[in-house]
Amino acid sequence: MPNVKVRENEPFEFALRRFKRSCEKAGVLTEVRRREFYEKP
């Protein structure tokens, strides 16, 4: 899971944007969508 620390004097929106970008690079959302429904083996 991506981890983002909010910097001093940084607006929350910027930190949220960095978190979303790191999630996309890590492929978190694609993995969630892939596992959303059970697929029979």
PDB file of N, CA and C in Angstrom:
ATOM      1  N   MET A   1       0.847  -1.179   0.000  1.00  0.00           N
ATOM      2  CA  MET A   1       0.000   0.000   0.000  1.00  0.00           C
ATOM      3  C   MET A   1       0.886   1.234   0.000  1.00  0.00           C
ATOM      4  N   PRO A   2       0.628   2.154  -0.892  1.00  0.00           N
ATOM      5  CA  PRO A   2       1.419   3.384  -0.939  1.00  0.00           C
ATOM      6  C   PRO A   2       1.257   4.198   0.334  1.00  0.00           C
ATOM      7  N   ASN A   3       2.308   4.891   0.677  1.00  0.00           N
ATOM      8  CA  ASN A   3       2.329   5.674   1.902  1.00  0.00           C
ATOM      9  C   ASN A   3       2.779   7.083   1.556  1.00  0.00           C
ATOM     10  N   VAL A   4       2.022   8.086   2.000  1.00  0.00           N
ATOM     11  CA  VAL A   4       2.363   9.478   1.730  1.00  0.00           C
ATOM     12  C   VAL A   4       2.302  10.243   3.037  1.00  0.00           C
ATOM     13  N   LYS A   5       3.364  10.956   3.344  1.00  0.00           N
ATOM     14  CA  LYS A   5       3.382  11.796   4.536  1.00  0.00           C
ATOM     15  C   LYS A   5       3.087  13.231   4.125  1.00  0.00           C
ATOM     16  N   VAL A   6       2.213  13.869   4.890  1.00  0.00           N
ATOM     17  CA  VAL A   6       1.866  15.256   4.600  1.00  0.00           C
ATOM     18  C   VAL A   6       3.013  16.131   5.086  1.00  0.00           C
ATOM     19  N   ARG A   7       3.544  16.916   4.161  1.00  0.00           N
ATOM     20  CA  ARG A   7       4.668  17.781   4.490  1.00  0.00           C
ATOM     21  C   ARG A   7       4.184  19.000   5.264  1.00  0.00           C
ATOM     22  N   GLU A   8       5.130  19.673   5.903  1.00  0.00           N
ATOM     23  CA  GLU A   8       4.798  20.867   6.671  1.00  0.00           C
ATOM     24  C   GLU A   8       4.312  21.957   5.719  1.00  0.00           C
ATOM     25  N   ASN A   9       3.239  22.621   6.089  1.00  0.00           N
ATOM     26  CA  ASN A   9       2.624  23.697   5.295  1.00  0.00           C
ATOM     27  C   ASN A   9       2.178  23.225   3.914  1.00  0.00           C
ATOM     28  N   GLU A  10       1.806  21.965   3.801  1.00  0.00           N
ATOM     29  CA  GLU A  10       1.316  21.442   2.524  1.00  0.00           C
ATOM     30  C   GLU A  10      -0.196  21.260   2.612  1.00  0.00           C
ATOM     31  N   PRO A  11      -0.938  21.780   1.648  1.00  0.00           N
ATOM     32  CA  PRO A  11      -2.391  21.573   1.663  1.00  0.00           C
ATOM     33  C   PRO A  11      -2.731  20.088   1.530  1.00  0.00           C
ATOM     34  N   PHE A  12      -3.842  19.710   2.142  1.00  0.00           N
ATOM     35  CA  PHE A  12      -4.271  18.314   2.122  1.00  0.00           C
ATOM     36  C   PHE A  12      -4.524  17.840   0.699  1.00  0.00           C
ATOM     37  N   GLU A  13      -5.034  18.724  -0.153  1.00  0.00           N
ATOM     38  CA  GLU A  13      -5.347  18.342  -1.530  1.00  0.00           C
ATOM     39  C   GLU A  13      -4.097  17.892  -2.280  1.00  0.00           C
ATOM     40  N   PHE A  14      -2.966  18.549  -2.033  1.00  0.00           N
ATOM     41  CA  PHE A  14      -1.720  18.164  -2.696  1.00  0.00           C
ATOM     42  C   PHE A  14      -1.256  16.791  -2.225  1.00  0.00           C
ATOM     43  N   ALA A  15      -1.383  16.544  -0.920  1.00  0.00           N
ATOM     44  CA  ALA A  15      -0.991  15.240  -0.386  1.00  0.00           C
ATOM     45  C   ALA A  15      -1.905  14.150  -0.941  1.00  0.00           C
ATOM     46  N   LEU A  16      -3.189  14.449  -1.051  1.00  0.00           N
ATOM     47  CA  LEU A  16      -4.136  13.483  -1.603  1.00  0.00           C
ATOM     48  C   LEU A  16      -3.807  13.187  -3.065  1.00  0.00           C
ATOM     49  N   ARG A  17      -3.425  14.218  -3.815  1.00  0.00           N
ATOM     50  CA  ARG A  17      -3.050  14.034  -5.214  1.00  0.00           C
ATOM     51  C   ARG A  17      -1.812  13.148  -5.322  1.00  0.00           C
ATOM     52  N   ARG A  18      -0.825  13.369  -4.440  1.00  0.00           N
ATOM     53  CA  ARG A  18       0.375  12.531  -4.455  1.00  0.00           C
ATOM     54  C   ARG A  18       0.032  11.091  -4.108  1.00  0.00           C
ATOM     55  N   PHE A  19      -0.903  10.899  -3.160  1.00  0.00           N
ATOM     56  CA  PHE A  19      -1.315   9.548  -2.776  1.00  0.00           C
ATOM     57  C   PHE A  19      -2.001   8.841  -3.939  1.00  0.00           C
ATOM     58  N   LYS A  20      -2.893   9.535  -4.619  1.00  0.00           N
ATOM     59  CA  LYS A  20      -3.584   8.933  -5.762  1.00  0.00           C
ATOM     60  C   LYS A  20      -2.596   8.546  -6.852  1.00  0.00           C
ATOM     61  N   ARG A  21      -1.614   9.409  -7.092  1.00  0.00           N
ATOM     62  CA  ARG A  21      -0.616   9.127  -8.119  1.00  0.00           C
ATOM     63  C   ARG A  21       0.214   7.905  -7.737  1.00  0.00           C
ATOM     64  N   SER A  22       0.589   7.800  -6.458  1.00  0.00           N
ATOM     65  CA  SER A  22       1.386   6.647  -6.035  1.00  0.00           C
ATOM     66  C   SER A  22       0.561   5.362  -6.077  1.00  0.00           C
ATOM     67  N   CYS A  23      -0.734   5.448  -5.793  1.00  0.00           N
ATOM     68  CA  CYS A  23      -1.612   4.277  -5.907  1.00  0.00           C
ATOM     69  C   CYS A  23      -1.686   3.813  -7.352  1.00  0.00           C
ATOM     70  N   GLU A  24      -1.781   4.766  -8.258  1.00  0.00           N
ATOM     71  CA  GLU A  24      -1.873   4.405  -9.670  1.00  0.00           C
ATOM     72  C   GLU A  24      -0.584   3.757 -10.153  1.00  0.00           C
ATOM     73  N   LYS A  25       0.552   4.266  -9.711  1.00  0.00           N
ATOM     74  CA  LYS A  25       1.829   3.677 -10.109  1.00  0.00           C
ATOM     75  C   LYS A  25       1.988   2.271  -9.545  1.00  0.00           C
ATOM     76  N   ALA A  26       1.465   2.038  -8.336  1.00  0.00           N
ATOM     77  CA  ALA A  26       1.590   0.730  -7.708  1.00  0.00           C
ATOM     78  C   ALA A  26       0.574  -0.269  -8.258  1.00  0.00           C
ATOM     79  N   GLY A  27      -0.431   0.214  -8.982  1.00  0.00           N
ATOM     80  CA  GLY A  27      -1.424  -0.680  -9.570  1.00  0.00           C
ATOM     81  C   GLY A  27      -2.462  -1.160  -8.580  1.00  0.00           C
ATOM     82  N   VAL A  28      -2.749  -0.371  -7.570  1.00  0.00           N
ATOM     83  CA  VAL A  28      -3.699  -0.776  -6.533  1.00  0.00           C
ATOM     84  C   VAL A  28      -5.111  -0.886  -7.104  1.00  0.00           C
ATOM     85  N   LEU A  29      -5.543   0.115  -7.849  1.00  0.00           N
ATOM     86  CA  LEU A  29      -6.915   0.106  -8.361  1.00  0.00           C
ATOM     87  C   LEU A  29      -7.152  -1.009  -9.365  1.00  0.00           C
ATOM     88  N   THR A  30      -6.172  -1.277 -10.212  1.00  0.00           N
ATOM     89  CA  THR A  30      -6.358  -2.366 -11.170  1.00  0.00           C
ATOM     90  C   THR A  30      -6.447  -3.707 -10.447  1.00  0.00           C
ATOM     91  N   GLU A  31      -5.695  -3.858  -9.382  1.00  0.00           N
ATOM     92  CA  GLU A  31      -5.746  -5.095  -8.595  1.00  0.00           C
ATOM     93  C   GLU A  31      -7.102  -5.247  -7.908  1.00  0.00           C
ATOM     94  N   VAL A  32      -7.634  -4.152  -7.392  1.00  0.00           N
ATOM     95  CA  VAL A  32      -8.950  -4.194  -6.739  1.00  0.00           C
ATOM     96  C   VAL A  32     -10.025  -4.568  -7.748  1.00  0.00           C
ATOM     97  N   ARG A  33      -9.975  -3.959  -8.916  1.00  0.00           N
ATOM     98  CA  ARG A  33     -10.970  -4.280  -9.947  1.00  0.00           C
ATOM     99  C   ARG A  33     -10.849  -5.728 -10.397  1.00  0.00           C
ATOM    100  N   ARG A  34      -9.635  -6.225 -10.470  1.00  0.00           N
ATOM    101  CA  ARG A  34      -9.427  -7.606 -10.908  1.00  0.00           C
ATOM    102  C   ARG A  34      -9.979  -8.585  -9.876  1.00  0.00           C
ATOM    103  N   ARG A  35      -9.884  -8.242  -8.600  1.00  0.00           N
ATOM    104  CA  ARG A  35     -10.339  -9.149  -7.539  1.00  0.00           C
ATOM    105  C   ARG A  35     -11.759  -8.871  -7.074  1.00  0.00           C
ATOM    106  N   GLU A  36     -12.450  -7.981  -7.740  1.00  0.00           N
ATOM    107  CA  GLU A  36     -13.783  -7.579  -7.306  1.00  0.00           C
ATOM    108  C   GLU A  36     -14.757  -8.756  -7.287  1.00  0.00           C
ATOM    109  N   PHE A  37     -14.677  -9.610  -8.292  1.00  0.00           N
ATOM    110  CA  PHE A  37     -15.571 -10.756  -8.385  1.00  0.00           C
ATOM    111  C   PHE A  37     -14.749 -12.033  -8.419  1.00  0.00           C
ATOM    112  N   TYR A  38     -15.296 -13.077  -7.856  1.00  0.00           N
ATOM    113  CA  TYR A  38     -14.606 -14.362  -7.830  1.00  0.00           C
ATOM    114  C   TYR A  38     -14.635 -14.978  -9.221  1.00  0.00           C
ATOM    115  N   GLU A  39     -13.492 -15.464  -9.653  1.00  0.00           N
ATOM    116  CA  GLU A  39     -13.411 -16.173 -10.931  1.00  0.00           C
ATOM    117  C   GLU A  39     -13.115 -17.637 -10.653  1.00  0.00           C
ATOM    118  N   LYS A  40     -13.938 -18.496 -11.211  1.00  0.00           N
ATOM    119  CA  LYS A  40     -13.714 -19.923 -11.008  1.00  0.00           C
ATOM    120  C   LYS A  40     -12.395 -20.333 -11.646  1.00  0.00           C
ATOM    121  N   PRO A  41     -11.675 -21.210 -10.984  1.00  0.00           N
ATOM    122  CA  PRO A  41     -10.405 -21.677 -11.560  1.00  0.00           C
ATOM    123  C   PRO A  41     -10.610 -22.547 -12.783  1.00  0.00           C
TER     124      PRO A  41
END
